[in-house]
Amino acid sequence: NVPVSAIFVSDKELLCESPEWNYMPKVVKVNVAAANGTLLTAGSHASFQYLKNPVIHEINPSYGAASGGTSVQIKGPELDDWPDVESYLSCRFGNSTLTRVVSNGIDGITCISPPLHEAMLMSNQAQVSIYAHHGDVYLSSSHQRFDYVNPIEVRSLAPTSGPFSGNTEIFVDANIGVVETDDLVCLFGTEIAKVKVRNKDIICISPPITDYSQAKKVLVRLGVKGALNVSSP
């Protein structure tokens, strides 16, 4: 029963601003009335749902490739209450254009990071924000920053060959910057392989190959979970 002013857009559309609601989530009826309070939509109404403003508790991973393309999970329990998340909510990294939500789970949503140059930042760190209704409504921002990292530099491998059966331990000398070793993966060509960390040494485990007819040479790269294009050969 809270009246608000209406802006006439066309003979089929009015624009109204929702009044503040500081209580529990609630669905309310929206009617159109004349200035004197007379209902003009007595036989029908629309529904509007008030929801808790989501709070971003964590982003994971908190870094990704400067070229973009990292799947970033944005966690916050209030996000569960929002209906049709993938079409209604959007993410923004720094000052980038909005990126759509690609999936939602029990405790958060997932967005794909845009390239660093699109984030238009003064540094390599971006604040991650959530918007509703195609970017018209700001909801929340993360205290945690998303770091754009340069490609991982792989300097050398040892050994540089192994049997077709795989399972060769390959020591990788690389500059991984701020990337956590637990987030690393190895890529043999396009195939993702296991990584071991032993006394700060990065060890890739070669996968087996099924074509025994001739020796095969592949590029070995390091990647980050959710952003396999971070690494360089």
C-alpha atoms as a PDB file:
ATOM      1  CA  ASN A   1       0.000   0.000   0.000  1.00  0.00           C
ATOM      2  CA  VAL A   2       2.969   2.335  -0.577  1.00  0.00           C
ATOM      3  CA  PRO A   3       2.281   4.889  -3.334  1.00  0.00           C
ATOM      4  CA  VAL A   4       5.129   5.978  -5.649  1.00  0.00           C
ATOM      5  CA  SER A   5       5.110   8.324  -8.601  1.00  0.00           C
ATOM      6  CA  ALA A   6       4.877   6.934 -12.124  1.00  0.00           C
ATOM      7  CA  ILE A   7       6.584   8.176 -15.278  1.00  0.00           C
ATOM      8  CA  PHE A   8       4.567   7.855 -18.474  1.00  0.00           C
ATOM      9  CA  VAL A   9       6.697   6.038 -21.078  1.00  0.00           C
ATOM     10  CA  SER A  10       4.058   5.143 -23.656  1.00  0.00           C
ATOM     11  CA  ASP A  11       0.407   4.183 -23.850  1.00  0.00           C
ATOM     12  CA  LYS A  12       1.525   0.653 -22.907  1.00  0.00           C
ATOM     13  CA  GLU A  13       4.234   1.355 -20.331  1.00  0.00           C
ATOM     14  CA  LEU A  14       4.774   3.207 -17.038  1.00  0.00           C
ATOM     15  CA  LEU A  15       8.042   3.474 -15.123  1.00  0.00           C
ATOM     16  CA  CYS A  16       7.910   3.230 -11.310  1.00  0.00           C
ATOM     17  CA  GLU A  17      10.713   3.072  -8.748  1.00  0.00           C
ATOM     18  CA  SER A  18      10.293   0.455  -6.020  1.00  0.00           C
ATOM     19  CA  PRO A  19      10.128   1.833  -2.464  1.00  0.00           C
ATOM     20  CA  GLU A  20      12.631   0.674   0.137  1.00  0.00           C
ATOM     21  CA  TRP A  21      11.867  -2.502   2.079  1.00  0.00           C
ATOM     22  CA  ASN A  22      14.032  -3.312   5.125  1.00  0.00           C
ATOM     23  CA  TYR A  23      12.437  -6.528   6.290  1.00  0.00           C
ATOM     24  CA  MET A  24      12.342 -10.169   5.220  1.00  0.00           C
ATOM     25  CA  PRO A  25      12.031 -11.164   1.532  1.00  0.00           C
ATOM     26  CA  LYS A  26       8.477 -10.663   0.350  1.00  0.00           C
ATOM     27  CA  VAL A  27       6.279 -10.725  -2.757  1.00  0.00           C
ATOM     28  CA  VAL A  28       4.026  -7.669  -3.095  1.00  0.00           C
ATOM     29  CA  LYS A  29       1.253  -6.737  -5.496  1.00  0.00           C
ATOM     30  CA  VAL A  30       1.815  -3.817  -7.879  1.00  0.00           C
ATOM     31  CA  ASN A  31      -1.245  -1.872  -9.004  1.00  0.00           C
ATOM     32  CA  VAL A  32      -1.803   1.345 -10.941  1.00  0.00           C
ATOM     33  CA  ALA A  33      -3.915   4.054  -9.355  1.00  0.00           C
ATOM     34  CA  ALA A  34      -5.065   7.554 -10.196  1.00  0.00           C
ATOM     35  CA  ALA A  35      -3.677  10.546  -8.292  1.00  0.00           C
ATOM     36  CA  ASN A  36      -6.703  10.461  -5.971  1.00  0.00           C
ATOM     37  CA  GLY A  37      -5.983   6.835  -5.037  1.00  0.00           C
ATOM     38  CA  THR A  38      -8.606   5.179  -7.178  1.00  0.00           C
ATOM     39  CA  LEU A  39      -7.357   1.816  -8.451  1.00  0.00           C
ATOM     40  CA  LEU A  40      -7.196   1.586 -12.222  1.00  0.00           C
ATOM     41  CA  THR A  41      -6.178  -2.087 -12.202  1.00  0.00           C
ATOM     42  CA  ALA A  42      -8.687  -3.404  -9.678  1.00  0.00           C
ATOM     43  CA  GLY A  43      -9.227  -6.597 -11.626  1.00  0.00           C
ATOM     44  CA  SER A  44      -5.557  -7.447 -12.155  1.00  0.00           C
ATOM     45  CA  HIS A  45      -2.105  -6.809 -10.735  1.00  0.00           C
ATOM     46  CA  ALA A  46       1.566  -7.627 -11.203  1.00  0.00           C
ATOM     47  CA  SER A  47       3.874  -9.119  -8.578  1.00  0.00           C
ATOM     48  CA  PHE A  48       7.218  -7.744  -7.415  1.00  0.00           C
ATOM     49  CA  GLN A  49       9.611  -9.764  -5.240  1.00  0.00           C
ATOM     50  CA  TYR A  50      11.862  -8.199  -2.615  1.00  0.00           C
ATOM     51  CA  LEU A  51      15.002 -10.281  -2.035  1.00  0.00           C
ATOM     52  CA  LYS A  52      17.987 -10.058   0.287  1.00  0.00           C
ATOM     53  CA  ASN A  53      20.806  -7.984  -1.161  1.00  0.00           C
ATOM     54  CA  PRO A  54      23.537 -10.557  -1.891  1.00  0.00           C
ATOM     55  CA  VAL A  55      26.927 -10.230  -0.228  1.00  0.00           C
ATOM     56  CA  ILE A  56      30.007 -11.592  -2.001  1.00  0.00           C
ATOM     57  CA  HIS A  57      31.937 -13.700   0.505  1.00  0.00           C
ATOM     58  CA  GLU A  58      34.617 -15.092  -1.815  1.00  0.00           C
ATOM     59  CA  ILE A  59      35.784 -15.243  -5.423  1.00  0.00           C
ATOM     60  CA  ASN A  60      37.613 -18.364  -6.602  1.00  0.00           C
ATOM     61  CA  PRO A  61      40.070 -18.415  -8.231  1.00  0.00           C
ATOM     62  CA  SER A  62      41.154 -14.908  -7.316  1.00  0.00           C
ATOM     63  CA  TYR A  63      43.402 -14.601 -10.369  1.00  0.00           C
ATOM     64  CA  GLY A  64      43.381 -15.456 -14.043  1.00  0.00           C
ATOM     65  CA  ALA A  65      44.890 -14.776 -17.434  1.00  0.00           C
ATOM     66  CA  ALA A  66      45.310 -11.215 -18.669  1.00  0.00           C
ATOM     67  CA  SER A  67      43.728 -12.458 -21.888  1.00  0.00           C
ATOM     68  CA  GLY A  68      40.502 -13.287 -19.986  1.00  0.00           C
ATOM     69  CA  GLY A  69      38.480 -16.483 -20.136  1.00  0.00           C
ATOM     70  CA  THR A  70      38.814 -17.567 -16.491  1.00  0.00           C
ATOM     71  CA  SER A  71      35.759 -19.233 -14.912  1.00  0.00           C
ATOM     72  CA  VAL A  72      35.365 -17.347 -11.620  1.00  0.00           C
ATOM     73  CA  GLN A  73      33.025 -18.638  -8.923  1.00  0.00           C
ATOM     74  CA  ILE A  74      31.434 -15.839  -6.905  1.00  0.00           C
ATOM     75  CA  LYS A  75      30.222 -17.160  -3.576  1.00  0.00           C
ATOM     76  CA  GLY A  76      27.479 -15.757  -1.398  1.00  0.00           C
ATOM     77  CA  PRO A  77      24.573 -17.654   0.228  1.00  0.00           C
ATOM     78  CA  GLU A  78      22.026 -14.916  -0.562  1.00  0.00           C
ATOM     79  CA  LEU A  79      22.508 -15.607  -4.276  1.00  0.00           C
ATOM     80  CA  ASP A  80      20.431 -18.795  -3.859  1.00  0.00           C
ATOM     81  CA  ASP A  81      17.287 -16.712  -3.343  1.00  0.00           C
ATOM     82  CA  TRP A  82      17.468 -14.971  -6.709  1.00  0.00           C
ATOM     83  CA  PRO A  83      15.283 -16.570  -9.396  1.00  0.00           C
ATOM     84  CA  ASP A  84      16.452 -17.185 -12.964  1.00  0.00           C
ATOM     85  CA  VAL A  85      19.989 -16.140 -12.047  1.00  0.00           C
ATOM     86  CA  GLU A  86      21.573 -16.812 -15.432  1.00  0.00           C
ATOM     87  CA  SER A  87      19.294 -14.385 -17.258  1.00  0.00           C
ATOM     88  CA  TYR A  88      18.781 -11.816 -14.489  1.00  0.00           C
ATOM     89  CA  LEU A  89      22.213 -11.262 -12.869  1.00  0.00           C
ATOM     90  CA  SER A  90      25.440 -10.011 -14.448  1.00  0.00           C
ATOM     91  CA  CYS A  91      29.044  -9.558 -13.310  1.00  0.00           C
ATOM     92  CA  ARG A  92      31.483  -6.706 -13.822  1.00  0.00           C
ATOM     93  CA  PHE A  93      35.270  -6.912 -13.442  1.00  0.00           C
ATOM     94  CA  GLY A  94      36.649  -3.468 -12.687  1.00  0.00           C
ATOM     95  CA  ASN A  95      35.118  -1.105 -15.237  1.00  0.00           C
ATOM     96  CA  SER A  96      34.429  -3.712 -17.901  1.00  0.00           C
ATOM     97  CA  THR A  97      31.189  -4.173 -19.736  1.00  0.00           C
ATOM     98  CA  LEU A  98      28.818  -6.591 -18.024  1.00  0.00           C
ATOM     99  CA  THR A  99      29.488 -10.317 -18.402  1.00  0.00           C
ATOM    100  CA  ARG A 100      26.648 -12.775 -18.084  1.00  0.00           C
ATOM    101  CA  VAL A 101      26.353 -15.472 -15.420  1.00  0.00           C
ATOM    102  CA  VAL A 102      27.171 -18.812 -17.062  1.00  0.00           C
ATOM    103  CA  SER A 103      26.028 -21.071 -14.209  1.00  0.00           C
ATOM    104  CA  ASN A 104      24.786 -21.020 -10.643  1.00  0.00           C
ATOM    105  CA  GLY A 105      25.252 -23.462  -7.789  1.00  0.00           C
ATOM    106  CA  ILE A 106      24.304 -24.022  -4.164  1.00  0.00           C
ATOM    107  CA  ASP A 107      26.390 -21.168  -2.784  1.00  0.00           C
ATOM    108  CA  GLY A 108      27.199 -18.906  -5.715  1.00  0.00           C
ATOM    109  CA  ILE A 109      27.385 -18.083  -9.390  1.00  0.00           C
ATOM    110  CA  THR A 110      30.068 -18.382 -12.073  1.00  0.00           C
ATOM    111  CA  CYS A 111      31.145 -15.660 -14.501  1.00  0.00           C
ATOM    112  CA  ILE A 112      33.878 -15.555 -17.157  1.00  0.00           C
ATOM    113  CA  SER A 113      36.524 -12.863 -16.688  1.00  0.00           C
ATOM    114  CA  PRO A 114      36.939 -10.411 -19.582  1.00  0.00           C
ATOM    115  CA  PRO A 115      40.405  -9.474 -20.911  1.00  0.00           C
ATOM    116  CA  LEU A 116      42.433  -7.064 -18.796  1.00  0.00           C
ATOM    117  CA  HIS A 117      42.234  -4.253 -21.357  1.00  0.00           C
ATOM    118  CA  GLU A 118      38.420  -4.353 -21.189  1.00  0.00           C
ATOM    119  CA  ALA A 119      38.481  -3.924 -17.398  1.00  0.00           C
ATOM    120  CA  MET A 120      40.088  -0.463 -17.883  1.00  0.00           C
ATOM    121  CA  LEU A 121      42.115  -0.577 -14.678  1.00  0.00           C
ATOM    122  CA  MET A 122      44.977   1.488 -13.275  1.00  0.00           C
ATOM    123  CA  SER A 123      46.546  -1.762 -11.995  1.00  0.00           C
ATOM    124  CA  ASN A 124      46.170  -5.510 -12.587  1.00  0.00           C
ATOM    125  CA  GLN A 125      43.609  -5.876  -9.780  1.00  0.00           C
ATOM    126  CA  ALA A 126      39.871  -5.733 -10.403  1.00  0.00           C
ATOM    127  CA  GLN A 127      36.947  -5.481  -8.022  1.00  0.00           C
ATOM    128  CA  VAL A 128      34.192  -7.936  -8.929  1.00  0.00           C
ATOM    129  CA  SER A 129      30.618  -6.627  -8.746  1.00  0.00           C
ATOM    130  CA  ILE A 130      27.156  -8.106  -9.274  1.00  0.00           C
ATOM    131  CA  TYR A 131      24.316  -6.308 -11.024  1.00  0.00           C
ATOM    132  CA  ALA A 132      20.683  -7.197 -11.620  1.00  0.00           C
ATOM    133  CA  HIS A 133      18.244  -6.428 -14.416  1.00  0.00           C
ATOM    134  CA  HIS A 134      20.812  -6.165 -17.217  1.00  0.00           C
ATOM    135  CA  GLY A 135      23.076  -3.866 -15.232  1.00  0.00           C
ATOM    136  CA  ASP A 136      20.446  -1.334 -14.152  1.00  0.00           C
ATOM    137  CA  VAL A 137      20.566  -2.327 -10.472  1.00  0.00           C
ATOM    138  CA  TYR A 138      23.851  -2.538  -8.519  1.00  0.00           C
ATOM    139  CA  LEU A 139      23.815  -5.269  -5.850  1.00  0.00           C
ATOM    140  CA  SER A 140      27.234  -5.981  -4.344  1.00  0.00           C
ATOM    141  CA  SER A 141      31.027  -5.853  -4.761  1.00  0.00           C
ATOM    142  CA  SER A 142      33.793  -8.106  -3.480  1.00  0.00           C
ATOM    143  CA  HIS A 143      36.329  -7.036  -0.866  1.00  0.00           C
ATOM    144  CA  GLN A 144      38.656  -9.583  -2.447  1.00  0.00           C
ATOM    145  CA  ARG A 145      40.331  -8.472  -5.684  1.00  0.00           C
ATOM    146  CA  PHE A 146      40.742 -10.463  -8.883  1.00  0.00           C
ATOM    147  CA  ASP A 147      44.370 -10.403 -10.075  1.00  0.00           C
ATOM    148  CA  TYR A 148      45.121 -10.451 -13.779  1.00  0.00           C
ATOM    149  CA  VAL A 149      48.358 -12.406 -14.188  1.00  0.00           C
ATOM    150  CA  ASN A 150      50.829 -12.487 -17.047  1.00  0.00           C
ATOM    151  CA  PRO A 151      51.505 -15.780 -18.848  1.00  0.00           C
ATOM    152  CA  ILE A 152      53.495 -18.297 -16.828  1.00  0.00           C
ATOM    153  CA  GLU A 153      56.995 -18.553 -18.205  1.00  0.00           C
ATOM    154  CA  VAL A 154      58.207 -22.154 -18.581  1.00  0.00           C
ATOM    155  CA  ARG A 155      61.996 -21.969 -18.734  1.00  0.00           C
ATOM    156  CA  SER A 156      62.997 -25.629 -18.986  1.00  0.00           C
ATOM    157  CA  LEU A 157      61.909 -29.269 -18.558  1.00  0.00           C
ATOM    158  CA  ALA A 158      63.793 -32.304 -17.352  1.00  0.00           C
ATOM    159  CA  PRO A 159      63.649 -34.943 -18.703  1.00  0.00           C
ATOM    160  CA  THR A 160      62.414 -33.991 -22.174  1.00  0.00           C
ATOM    161  CA  SER A 161      61.373 -37.504 -23.231  1.00  0.00           C
ATOM    162  CA  GLY A 162      59.657 -40.573 -21.790  1.00  0.00           C
ATOM    163  CA  PRO A 163      57.925 -43.863 -22.659  1.00  0.00           C
ATOM    164  CA  PHE A 164      54.590 -44.194 -24.490  1.00  0.00           C
ATOM    165  CA  SER A 165      53.084 -45.644 -21.308  1.00  0.00           C
ATOM    166  CA  GLY A 166      53.330 -42.244 -19.588  1.00  0.00           C
ATOM    167  CA  ASN A 167      53.743 -41.670 -15.840  1.00  0.00           C
ATOM    168  CA  THR A 168      57.114 -39.940 -16.325  1.00  0.00           C
ATOM    169  CA  GLU A 169      57.902 -37.307 -13.687  1.00  0.00           C
ATOM    170  CA  ILE A 170      58.984 -34.107 -15.448  1.00  0.00           C
ATOM    171  CA  PHE A 171      60.530 -31.326 -13.387  1.00  0.00           C
ATOM    172  CA  VAL A 172      59.385 -27.938 -14.653  1.00  0.00           C
ATOM    173  CA  ASP A 173      61.389 -24.774 -14.067  1.00  0.00           C
ATOM    174  CA  ALA A 174      58.876 -21.930 -14.315  1.00  0.00           C
ATOM    175  CA  ASN A 175      58.084 -18.472 -13.044  1.00  0.00           C
ATOM    176  CA  ILE A 176      54.493 -18.788 -11.776  1.00  0.00           C
ATOM    177  CA  GLY A 177      54.221 -15.343 -10.132  1.00  0.00           C
ATOM    178  CA  VAL A 178      51.303 -15.082  -7.692  1.00  0.00           C
ATOM    179  CA  VAL A 179      49.666 -18.338  -8.823  1.00  0.00           C
ATOM    180  CA  GLU A 180      49.203 -20.913  -6.045  1.00  0.00           C
ATOM    181  CA  THR A 181      50.823 -24.264  -6.819  1.00  0.00           C
ATOM    182  CA  ASP A 182      47.628 -26.090  -5.791  1.00  0.00           C
ATOM    183  CA  ASP A 183      45.843 -24.422  -8.715  1.00  0.00           C
ATOM    184  CA  LEU A 184      48.334 -25.531 -11.370  1.00  0.00           C
ATOM    185  CA  VAL A 185      47.681 -28.087 -14.083  1.00  0.00           C
ATOM    186  CA  CYS A 186      49.985 -29.433 -16.789  1.00  0.00           C
ATOM    187  CA  LEU A 187      49.036 -29.601 -20.429  1.00  0.00           C
ATOM    188  CA  PHE A 188      50.672 -32.043 -22.839  1.00  0.00           C
ATOM    189  CA  GLY A 189      49.422 -30.618 -26.101  1.00  0.00           C
ATOM    190  CA  THR A 190      45.727 -30.200 -25.280  1.00  0.00           C
ATOM    191  CA  GLU A 191      45.555 -33.002 -22.696  1.00  0.00           C
ATOM    192  CA  ILE A 192      45.390 -31.996 -19.045  1.00  0.00           C
ATOM    193  CA  ALA A 193      47.739 -33.977 -16.801  1.00  0.00           C
ATOM    194  CA  LYS A 194      48.521 -34.249 -13.100  1.00  0.00           C
ATOM    195  CA  VAL A 195      50.813 -31.902 -11.199  1.00  0.00           C
ATOM    196  CA  LYS A 196      52.812 -32.780  -8.116  1.00  0.00           C
ATOM    197  CA  VAL A 197      54.558 -30.268  -5.868  1.00  0.00           C
ATOM    198  CA  ARG A 198      57.518 -31.650  -3.960  1.00  0.00           C
ATOM    199  CA  ASN A 199      59.736 -29.343  -1.916  1.00  0.00           C
ATOM    200  CA  LYS A 200      58.480 -26.434  -4.051  1.00  0.00           C
ATOM    201  CA  ASP A 201      59.440 -28.306  -7.235  1.00  0.00           C
ATOM    202  CA  ILE A 202      56.733 -28.423  -9.889  1.00  0.00           C
ATOM    203  CA  ILE A 203      56.431 -31.913 -11.368  1.00  0.00           C
ATOM    204  CA  CYS A 204      54.229 -32.819 -14.331  1.00  0.00           C
ATOM    205  CA  ILE A 205      53.200 -36.452 -14.817  1.00  0.00           C
ATOM    206  CA  SER A 206      53.148 -37.394 -18.501  1.00  0.00           C
ATOM    207  CA  PRO A 207      49.942 -39.075 -19.740  1.00  0.00           C
ATOM    208  CA  PRO A 208      50.085 -42.266 -21.838  1.00  0.00           C
ATOM    209  CA  ILE A 209      49.565 -42.170 -25.603  1.00  0.00           C
ATOM    210  CA  THR A 210      47.790 -44.854 -27.601  1.00  0.00           C
ATOM    211  CA  ASP A 211      49.571 -44.440 -30.963  1.00  0.00           C
ATOM    212  CA  TYR A 212      52.796 -46.449 -30.643  1.00  0.00           C
ATOM    213  CA  SER A 213      53.670 -46.295 -34.351  1.00  0.00           C
ATOM    214  CA  GLN A 214      56.106 -43.398 -34.049  1.00  0.00           C
ATOM    215  CA  ALA A 215      57.648 -40.992 -31.566  1.00  0.00           C
ATOM    216  CA  LYS A 216      55.508 -37.958 -30.825  1.00  0.00           C
ATOM    217  CA  LYS A 217      56.577 -34.487 -29.708  1.00  0.00           C
ATOM    218  CA  VAL A 218      54.143 -32.237 -27.799  1.00  0.00           C
ATOM    219  CA  LEU A 219      54.299 -28.834 -26.157  1.00  0.00           C
ATOM    220  CA  VAL A 220      54.271 -28.951 -22.356  1.00  0.00           C
ATOM    221  CA  ARG A 221      52.628 -25.973 -20.705  1.00  0.00           C
ATOM    222  CA  LEU A 222      51.454 -24.932 -17.264  1.00  0.00           C
ATOM    223  CA  GLY A 223      47.937 -23.680 -16.733  1.00  0.00           C
ATOM    224  CA  VAL A 224      45.639 -22.609 -13.935  1.00  0.00           C
ATOM    225  CA  LYS A 225      42.389 -24.375 -13.152  1.00  0.00           C
ATOM    226  CA  GLY A 226      39.651 -22.478 -14.917  1.00  0.00           C
ATOM    227  CA  ALA A 227      42.156 -20.557 -17.064  1.00  0.00           C
ATOM    228  CA  LEU A 228      44.188 -23.002 -19.072  1.00  0.00           C
ATOM    229  CA  ASN A 229      45.434 -20.295 -21.425  1.00  0.00           C
ATOM    230  CA  VAL A 230      47.586 -18.667 -18.715  1.00  0.00           C
ATOM    231  CA  SER A 231      50.676 -20.674 -19.588  1.00  0.00           C
ATOM    232  CA  SER A 232      53.334 -20.352 -22.267  1.00  0.00           C
ATOM    233  CA  PRO A 233      55.327 -23.276 -23.769  1.00  0.00           C
END
